Amino acid sequence: MQRKSPMVTAIAMSAFFFFGAALAAEKAPTKEAAKEAVKAPAAPAKKSGGQQVKKETASAAATAKAAKAFAQVSAELYPKAKQEGNLVVYSVWDVEHLKIITEAFMKRYPGIKATFWQGRNPEIVTRALTEFQGGQASWDVVLSDNAPPVIRAAGAIMDYDTVQRDVLYLHDPNMATVSLQVQALAYNTKKMKPADLPKSWEEVASPKYKGIVALDDPMRAGPLSSMLSGLKTQWNNDNRFNNFVRGLKALSVPVHKSTSAMFRLVISGEYSICMPALLHDVMEEMGKGTPVNYVKTVPPVVFPRQAGIYVKAPNPNAAKLFAEWLISDEGQKTIDSVGRESSRNDFKSHTSIEAAYGKAMKPLPVTDQQFLGDPNTWLNKFVKPIWEG
């Protein structure tokens, strides 16, 4: 009988209960799946990789180098991937988005059949770890934001460093960052005068905004949670961070577990400020003439969306090719076409950081490895004592 690993058991249970609480309104995995998720692993847990912040704007030389590197790796991987013939993706992304992306990949690389399973982050973590610990070679790539670092912490992600690393805003030497979650400080233009807008994320916690802020739940694995991690790293000042969390609590507003639903309340005028909104949502509504805008002088928070390759992938070459293609110019255009932000610092789009904020803007990255690998532990340690105290 195989002995259980306390480390992976803790990771699986932490991920399961944390994501389940964060998405209480959504369908939770079955009890049987939760039990399976804590079976003994086939390999010891691995240490998390590290997000490295790259230059905000790539040089022409870096762009040319990345294109050449992609062409070379594509030529090397495609024959092997075609021989494998399949690609299986687990993802939290919208079904329609996944259809467009996988169909574009199959058109670019005939002979590879790409299929996907779409689920919520808690379901993805549970299923991926259940199959990993059961020794199943059942999937190739997990495409998500929160799930890949948690799965990696359990030892289920293969190390893979993209050859296009020099054109990424955030570079993780162990997983490909294929898109970014970009958080913007948005507001209703009919409710807020420009002179009255907060000049920083920190100022949102000022008493003058009490009762008018649509606030994300800081104790879920959502945008505000990742923002808190990024600000704590940037400030490196416990008193400042603690006062900020206290200020948010003192706003005396209900918290929300859906960023899109929260943003809708700002659009309707029920709240004046959205803390935070997703940039692509704001840009889409602005394009429709909706009375919303964002504060262009407040640095956007950037959180990685990654393509993690399964350590037991049945089609490892197809998985690597897919990760590289997603970062390529063609892949980024496909990702941009479904409304998701590019991970490249040389990609031209109306939702790119440069287009939305200007060349001089330096985004606020989320790089804390404890948060990325185990957000539950991080939040319980740094936020919960203040928020629930």
Protein backbone atom coordinates (compact mmCIF):
# COMPACT_ATOMS: atom_id res chain seq x y z
CA MET A 1 0.00 0.00 0.00
CA GLN A 2 1.40 3.36 -1.06
CA ARG A 3 1.96 5.86 1.74
CA LYS A 4 0.35 9.27 1.57
CA SER A 5 2.50 12.37 1.23
CA PRO A 6 1.58 15.01 3.85
CA MET A 7 2.87 17.78 1.58
CA VAL A 8 0.70 16.95 -1.41
CA THR A 9 -2.24 16.11 0.83
CA ALA A 10 -1.99 19.57 2.37
CA ILE A 11 -1.68 21.22 -1.05
CA ALA A 12 -4.66 19.38 -2.46
CA MET A 13 -6.89 19.99 0.55
CA SER A 14 -5.85 23.64 0.80
CA ALA A 15 -6.57 24.21 -2.88
CA PHE A 16 -9.87 22.36 -2.75
CA PHE A 17 -11.31 24.11 0.27
CA PHE A 18 -9.93 27.54 -0.63
CA PHE A 19 -11.21 27.57 -4.19
CA GLY A 20 -14.48 26.03 -3.05
CA ALA A 21 -15.05 28.82 -0.54
CA ALA A 22 -14.03 31.47 -3.03
CA LEU A 23 -16.56 30.22 -5.53
CA ALA A 24 -19.35 29.25 -3.16
CA ALA A 25 -22.02 30.17 -5.67
CA GLU A 26 -20.59 27.76 -8.19
CA LYS A 27 -20.90 24.00 -8.40
CA ALA A 28 -18.34 22.32 -6.14
CA PRO A 29 -16.51 19.05 -6.98
CA THR A 30 -17.99 15.86 -5.60
CA LYS A 31 -16.95 14.39 -2.25
CA GLU A 32 -15.50 11.41 -4.08
CA ALA A 33 -13.33 13.68 -6.20
CA ALA A 34 -12.13 15.52 -3.10
CA LYS A 35 -11.11 12.24 -1.49
CA GLU A 36 -9.30 11.13 -4.63
CA ALA A 37 -7.45 14.43 -4.76
CA VAL A 38 -5.53 13.61 -1.61
CA LYS A 39 -4.25 10.16 -2.58
CA ALA A 40 -0.52 9.57 -2.57
CA PRO A 41 1.39 11.18 -5.45
CA ALA A 42 3.66 9.41 -7.87
CA ALA A 43 6.38 12.02 -7.38
CA PRO A 44 7.51 14.41 -4.63
CA ALA A 45 6.22 17.94 -4.64
CA LYS A 46 8.27 20.53 -6.48
CA LYS A 47 9.20 24.03 -5.48
CA SER A 48 7.39 26.85 -7.20
CA GLY A 49 9.04 28.68 -10.03
CA GLY A 50 9.47 32.43 -10.01
CA GLN A 51 7.84 35.20 -11.98
CA GLN A 52 10.54 37.49 -13.30
CA VAL A 53 9.51 40.97 -14.38
CA LYS A 54 10.81 41.77 -17.85
CA LYS A 55 11.09 45.11 -19.62
CA GLU A 56 7.81 46.94 -20.13
CA THR A 57 8.57 47.45 -23.83
CA ALA A 58 10.48 45.01 -26.00
CA SER A 59 13.11 46.16 -28.45
CA ALA A 60 12.92 45.42 -32.16
CA ALA A 61 15.86 43.07 -31.67
CA ALA A 62 13.99 41.14 -28.94
CA THR A 63 10.94 40.83 -31.18
CA ALA A 64 13.03 39.54 -34.09
CA LYS A 65 14.88 37.13 -31.79
CA ALA A 66 11.61 35.75 -30.43
CA ALA A 67 10.19 35.27 -33.92
CA LYS A 68 13.30 33.40 -35.02
CA ALA A 69 13.32 31.25 -31.90
CA PHE A 70 9.64 30.40 -32.34
CA ALA A 71 10.12 29.45 -36.00
CA GLN A 72 12.97 27.14 -35.01
CA VAL A 73 11.23 25.46 -32.08
CA SER A 74 8.04 25.12 -34.11
CA ALA A 75 9.94 23.33 -36.88
CA GLU A 76 11.52 21.01 -34.31
CA LEU A 77 8.37 20.21 -32.34
CA TYR A 78 5.75 19.95 -35.07
CA PRO A 79 6.86 16.64 -36.62
CA LYS A 80 6.99 15.03 -33.16
CA ALA A 81 3.68 16.59 -32.15
CA LYS A 82 2.06 15.45 -35.39
CA GLN A 83 3.23 11.92 -34.67
CA GLU A 84 1.59 12.14 -31.24
CA GLY A 85 -1.54 13.36 -32.99
CA ASN A 86 -3.45 14.79 -30.01
CA LEU A 87 -3.53 17.60 -27.48
CA VAL A 88 -5.69 17.63 -24.34
CA VAL A 89 -6.24 20.95 -22.57
CA TYR A 90 -7.84 21.58 -19.17
CA SER A 91 -8.90 25.21 -18.82
CA VAL A 92 -11.00 27.70 -16.88
CA TRP A 93 -11.38 29.89 -19.99
CA ASP A 94 -14.79 30.30 -21.66
CA VAL A 95 -15.87 27.44 -23.91
CA GLU A 96 -16.30 29.73 -26.93
CA HIS A 97 -12.82 31.14 -26.38
CA LEU A 98 -11.32 27.67 -26.15
CA LYS A 99 -13.05 26.63 -29.38
CA ILE A 100 -11.59 29.58 -31.25
CA ILE A 101 -8.10 29.06 -29.83
CA THR A 102 -7.90 25.28 -30.38
CA GLU A 103 -9.38 25.55 -33.88
CA ALA A 104 -6.78 28.18 -34.81
CA PHE A 105 -4.03 25.92 -33.42
CA MET A 106 -5.28 22.92 -35.42
CA LYS A 107 -5.47 25.03 -38.58
CA ARG A 108 -1.88 26.14 -38.06
CA TYR A 109 -0.72 22.58 -37.31
CA PRO A 110 -2.74 20.03 -39.33
CA GLY A 111 -2.61 16.50 -38.00
CA ILE A 112 -2.94 17.45 -34.34
CA LYS A 113 -6.40 17.04 -32.83
CA ALA A 114 -6.87 19.47 -29.94
CA THR A 115 -9.61 18.82 -27.41
CA PHE A 116 -10.41 20.54 -24.14
CA TRP A 117 -12.25 20.13 -20.87
CA GLN A 118 -13.56 23.33 -19.32
CA GLY A 119 -14.09 23.66 -15.60
CA ARG A 120 -13.77 26.05 -12.69
CA ASN A 121 -10.46 26.40 -10.90
CA PRO A 122 -11.41 24.13 -7.96
CA GLU A 123 -12.60 21.44 -10.36
CA ILE A 124 -9.46 21.70 -12.47
CA VAL A 125 -7.17 21.42 -9.44
CA THR A 126 -9.09 18.47 -8.03
CA ARG A 127 -9.26 16.59 -11.34
CA ALA A 128 -5.64 17.28 -12.28
CA LEU A 129 -4.28 16.16 -8.90
CA THR A 130 -6.57 13.13 -8.76
CA GLU A 131 -5.26 11.94 -12.13
CA PHE A 132 -1.67 12.82 -11.28
CA GLN A 133 -1.75 10.88 -8.04
CA GLY A 134 -3.42 7.98 -9.84
CA GLY A 135 -0.56 7.87 -12.35
CA GLN A 136 -2.85 8.74 -15.27
CA ALA A 137 -1.40 10.22 -18.45
CA SER A 138 -4.71 11.90 -19.20
CA TRP A 139 -4.05 15.53 -20.10
CA ASP A 140 -1.32 17.74 -21.55
CA VAL A 141 -1.81 21.40 -20.65
CA VAL A 142 -3.65 23.33 -17.95
CA LEU A 143 -4.57 26.81 -19.17
CA SER A 144 -5.65 29.11 -16.35
CA ASP A 145 -4.57 31.73 -13.82
CA ASN A 146 -4.80 30.36 -10.27
CA ALA A 147 -4.73 26.63 -11.03
CA PRO A 148 -1.28 26.10 -12.65
CA PRO A 149 0.82 27.30 -9.67
CA VAL A 150 -1.22 25.16 -7.26
CA ILE A 151 -0.85 22.09 -9.48
CA ARG A 152 2.85 22.82 -9.86
CA ALA A 153 3.29 22.97 -6.10
CA ALA A 154 2.08 19.36 -5.98
CA GLY A 155 4.79 18.30 -8.44
CA ALA A 156 2.43 17.76 -11.38
CA ILE A 157 3.84 20.37 -13.78
CA MET A 158 6.82 19.79 -16.07
CA ASP A 159 9.53 22.46 -16.15
CA TYR A 160 9.38 24.29 -19.46
CA ASP A 161 10.98 27.63 -20.28
CA THR A 162 9.67 29.31 -23.42
CA VAL A 163 12.14 30.33 -26.11
CA GLN A 164 10.20 33.61 -26.44
CA ARG A 165 10.91 34.73 -22.88
CA ASP A 166 12.46 38.08 -23.87
CA VAL A 167 9.15 39.55 -25.09
CA LEU A 168 7.06 38.70 -22.00
CA TYR A 169 5.91 41.17 -19.35
CA LEU A 170 6.17 38.37 -16.80
CA HIS A 171 8.52 35.45 -17.37
CA ASP A 172 8.28 32.26 -15.35
CA PRO A 173 11.22 29.93 -16.15
CA ASN A 174 9.06 26.87 -15.43
CA MET A 175 5.73 27.72 -17.11
CA ALA A 176 4.73 29.75 -20.14
CA THR A 177 2.83 32.97 -19.39
CA VAL A 178 0.45 33.22 -22.34
CA SER A 179 -1.90 35.99 -21.20
CA LEU A 180 -2.31 38.52 -18.41
CA GLN A 181 -5.14 39.45 -16.11
CA VAL A 182 -4.91 43.26 -16.11
CA GLN A 183 -6.72 45.07 -13.31
CA ALA A 184 -7.82 48.67 -13.75
CA LEU A 185 -9.24 51.23 -11.32
CA ALA A 186 -12.58 51.88 -13.01
CA TYR A 187 -15.38 54.32 -12.21
CA ASN A 188 -18.78 55.51 -13.38
CA THR A 189 -18.30 58.80 -15.22
CA LYS A 190 -21.76 60.03 -14.22
CA LYS A 191 -21.07 59.44 -10.54
CA MET A 192 -17.48 60.66 -10.21
CA LYS A 193 -15.85 63.94 -11.26
CA PRO A 194 -12.23 63.66 -12.46
CA ALA A 195 -11.03 65.90 -9.62
CA ASP A 196 -12.58 63.55 -7.04
CA LEU A 197 -11.02 60.33 -8.33
CA PRO A 198 -8.50 58.40 -6.22
CA LYS A 199 -4.95 58.92 -7.39
CA SER A 200 -3.73 55.48 -6.33
CA TRP A 201 -5.00 52.04 -5.31
CA GLU A 202 -4.12 52.99 -1.76
CA GLU A 203 -6.33 56.08 -1.80
CA VAL A 204 -9.43 53.97 -2.54
CA ALA A 205 -9.32 53.00 1.15
CA SER A 206 -9.81 56.65 2.16
CA PRO A 207 -12.89 57.42 4.31
CA LYS A 208 -14.16 59.84 1.65
CA TYR A 209 -15.06 56.85 -0.55
CA LYS A 210 -17.03 55.08 2.17
CA GLY A 211 -20.13 53.40 0.81
CA ILE A 212 -19.48 54.06 -2.90
CA VAL A 213 -16.92 51.35 -3.77
CA ALA A 214 -17.85 48.02 -5.34
CA LEU A 215 -15.33 45.85 -3.49
CA ASP A 216 -14.06 42.42 -4.48
CA ASP A 217 -13.87 39.87 -1.65
CA PRO A 218 -10.23 40.01 -0.46
CA MET A 219 -10.45 36.51 1.03
CA ARG A 220 -11.16 34.75 -2.28
CA ALA A 221 -8.64 33.91 -4.98
CA GLY A 222 -9.85 36.87 -6.96
CA PRO A 223 -8.39 40.07 -8.38
CA LEU A 224 -8.31 42.00 -5.08
CA SER A 225 -6.46 39.12 -3.40
CA SER A 226 -3.75 39.20 -6.07
CA MET A 227 -3.61 43.01 -5.90
CA LEU A 228 -2.97 42.82 -2.16
CA SER A 229 -0.12 40.41 -2.82
CA GLY A 230 1.39 42.75 -5.42
CA LEU A 231 1.07 45.81 -3.19
CA LYS A 232 2.57 44.04 -0.20
CA THR A 233 5.59 43.10 -2.29
CA GLN A 234 5.95 46.60 -3.71
CA TRP A 235 5.53 48.45 -0.42
CA ASN A 236 7.58 46.10 1.74
CA ASN A 237 6.00 47.84 4.72
CA ASP A 238 3.75 45.85 7.05
CA ASN A 239 2.20 48.89 8.74
CA ARG A 240 1.29 50.47 5.42
CA PHE A 241 -0.20 47.22 4.14
CA ASN A 242 -2.17 46.55 7.32
CA ASN A 243 -3.57 50.09 7.33
CA PHE A 244 -4.66 49.67 3.73
CA VAL A 245 -6.58 46.48 4.53
CA ARG A 246 -8.16 48.20 7.55
CA GLY A 247 -9.14 51.10 5.32
CA LEU A 248 -10.83 48.79 2.82
CA LYS A 249 -12.76 47.14 5.65
CA ALA A 250 -13.80 50.55 6.96
CA LEU A 251 -15.46 51.39 3.64
CA SER A 252 -18.40 49.45 5.09
CA VAL A 253 -19.58 47.93 1.81
CA PRO A 254 -20.56 44.33 1.01
CA VAL A 255 -17.90 42.30 -0.80
CA HIS A 256 -18.47 40.49 -4.07
CA LYS A 257 -17.36 37.12 -5.42
CA SER A 258 -17.76 37.92 -9.11
CA THR A 259 -15.69 40.64 -10.76
CA SER A 260 -18.01 40.93 -13.75
CA ALA A 261 -21.14 41.17 -11.59
CA MET A 262 -19.43 43.75 -9.41
CA PHE A 263 -18.50 45.81 -12.47
CA ARG A 264 -22.13 45.68 -13.60
CA LEU A 265 -23.14 47.40 -10.37
CA VAL A 266 -20.76 50.24 -11.19
CA ILE A 267 -22.16 50.48 -14.71
CA SER A 268 -25.69 50.74 -13.29
CA GLY A 269 -24.62 53.50 -10.92
CA GLU A 270 -25.24 51.57 -7.72
CA TYR A 271 -21.57 52.12 -6.91
CA SER A 272 -19.18 54.78 -8.21
CA ILE A 273 -15.81 52.97 -8.13
CA CYS A 274 -14.86 49.39 -8.99
CA MET A 275 -12.10 47.90 -6.83
CA PRO A 276 -10.88 46.46 -9.15
CA ALA A 277 -12.23 45.95 -12.68
CA LEU A 278 -10.65 43.95 -15.49
CA LEU A 279 -9.22 46.14 -18.22
CA HIS A 280 -10.76 44.21 -21.12
CA ASP A 281 -14.23 44.58 -19.55
CA VAL A 282 -13.75 48.32 -19.13
CA MET A 283 -12.48 48.79 -22.69
CA GLU A 284 -15.37 46.77 -24.10
CA GLU A 285 -17.95 48.88 -22.25
CA MET A 286 -16.23 52.13 -23.21
CA GLY A 287 -16.46 51.02 -26.83
CA LYS A 288 -20.22 50.68 -26.40
CA GLY A 289 -20.54 54.19 -25.02
CA THR A 290 -21.22 52.99 -21.46
CA PRO A 291 -20.52 55.74 -18.87
CA VAL A 292 -17.37 54.12 -17.45
CA ASN A 293 -13.69 54.90 -17.62
CA TYR A 294 -10.50 54.02 -15.74
CA VAL A 295 -7.83 56.05 -13.98
CA LYS A 296 -4.93 56.04 -16.42
CA THR A 297 -2.39 57.24 -13.87
CA VAL A 298 -2.90 54.31 -11.48
CA PRO A 299 -0.61 51.38 -12.41
CA PRO A 300 -2.51 48.32 -13.64
CA VAL A 301 -2.06 45.13 -11.63
CA VAL A 302 -0.87 42.25 -13.81
CA PHE A 303 -1.42 38.60 -12.91
CA PRO A 304 -0.13 35.72 -15.05
CA ARG A 305 -2.36 33.36 -17.01
CA GLN A 306 -0.23 30.35 -17.74
CA ALA A 307 -0.02 27.18 -19.78
CA GLY A 308 1.38 24.53 -17.45
CA ILE A 309 2.52 21.28 -19.05
CA TYR A 310 1.58 18.10 -17.20
CA VAL A 311 4.54 16.07 -15.97
CA LYS A 312 2.81 12.91 -17.26
CA ALA A 313 1.57 14.48 -20.49
CA PRO A 314 0.76 11.82 -23.12
CA ASN A 315 1.57 14.36 -25.84
CA PRO A 316 4.48 16.43 -24.46
CA ASN A 317 5.66 17.77 -27.81
CA ALA A 318 2.17 18.93 -28.75
CA ALA A 319 1.91 20.55 -25.33
CA LYS A 320 5.17 22.47 -25.77
CA LEU A 321 4.18 23.48 -29.30
CA PHE A 322 0.82 24.74 -28.05
CA ALA A 323 2.46 26.80 -25.30
CA GLU A 324 4.91 28.34 -27.76
CA TRP A 325 2.21 29.01 -30.35
CA LEU A 326 0.07 30.79 -27.75
CA ILE A 327 2.94 33.22 -27.10
CA SER A 328 3.74 33.68 -30.80
CA ASP A 329 2.38 36.67 -32.69
CA GLU A 330 -0.31 34.49 -34.29
CA GLY A 331 -1.31 32.97 -30.97
CA GLN A 332 -1.47 36.35 -29.27
CA LYS A 333 -3.68 37.71 -32.04
CA THR A 334 -6.03 34.78 -31.43
CA ILE A 335 -6.03 35.40 -27.69
CA ASP A 336 -6.62 39.12 -28.29
CA SER A 337 -9.53 38.33 -30.62
CA VAL A 338 -11.46 36.73 -27.74
CA GLY A 339 -10.87 39.71 -25.46
CA ARG A 340 -7.98 38.41 -23.37
CA GLU A 341 -4.89 40.52 -22.79
CA SER A 342 -1.55 39.72 -24.39
CA SER A 343 1.37 38.51 -22.28
CA ARG A 344 3.86 40.11 -24.67
CA ASN A 345 5.33 43.57 -24.22
CA ASP A 346 5.61 44.13 -27.98
CA PHE A 347 2.05 43.24 -28.95
CA LYS A 348 -0.11 46.03 -30.34
CA SER A 349 -3.72 46.01 -29.14
CA HIS A 350 -6.20 48.47 -27.68
CA THR A 351 -6.14 46.39 -24.48
CA SER A 352 -2.34 46.27 -24.26
CA ILE A 353 -0.81 48.07 -21.30
CA GLU A 354 1.09 50.44 -23.57
CA ALA A 355 -2.02 51.37 -25.56
CA ALA A 356 -4.19 51.78 -22.47
CA TYR A 357 -1.69 53.54 -20.21
CA GLY A 358 1.18 54.81 -22.34
CA LYS A 359 4.80 53.74 -22.76
CA ALA A 360 5.94 55.25 -19.47
CA MET A 361 3.54 53.21 -17.31
CA LYS A 362 5.09 50.49 -15.18
CA PRO A 363 2.50 47.88 -14.19
CA LEU A 364 2.29 46.34 -10.74
CA PRO A 365 3.16 42.63 -11.11
CA VAL A 366 2.03 39.80 -8.83
CA THR A 367 5.20 37.80 -8.17
CA ASP A 368 4.95 36.54 -4.57
CA GLN A 369 5.58 32.80 -4.85
CA GLN A 370 3.80 31.90 -1.62
CA PHE A 371 0.67 33.62 -2.87
CA LEU A 372 0.90 32.10 -6.35
CA GLY A 373 1.49 28.59 -5.02
CA ASP A 374 -0.83 28.63 -1.99
CA PRO A 375 -3.07 31.72 -1.85
CA ASN A 376 -5.08 30.29 1.04
CA THR A 377 -2.09 30.19 3.36
CA TRP A 378 -0.97 33.65 2.25
CA LEU A 379 -4.38 35.23 2.82
CA ASN A 380 -4.85 33.51 6.16
CA LYS A 381 -1.50 34.83 7.30
CA PHE A 382 -1.54 38.41 6.04
CA VAL A 383 -5.16 39.42 5.39
CA LYS A 384 -7.56 37.34 7.48
CA PRO A 385 -6.35 38.56 10.93
CA ILE A 386 -7.15 42.15 9.88
CA TRP A 387 -10.20 41.55 7.70
CA GLU A 388 -11.99 39.16 10.05
CA GLY A 389 -10.43 40.33 13.30
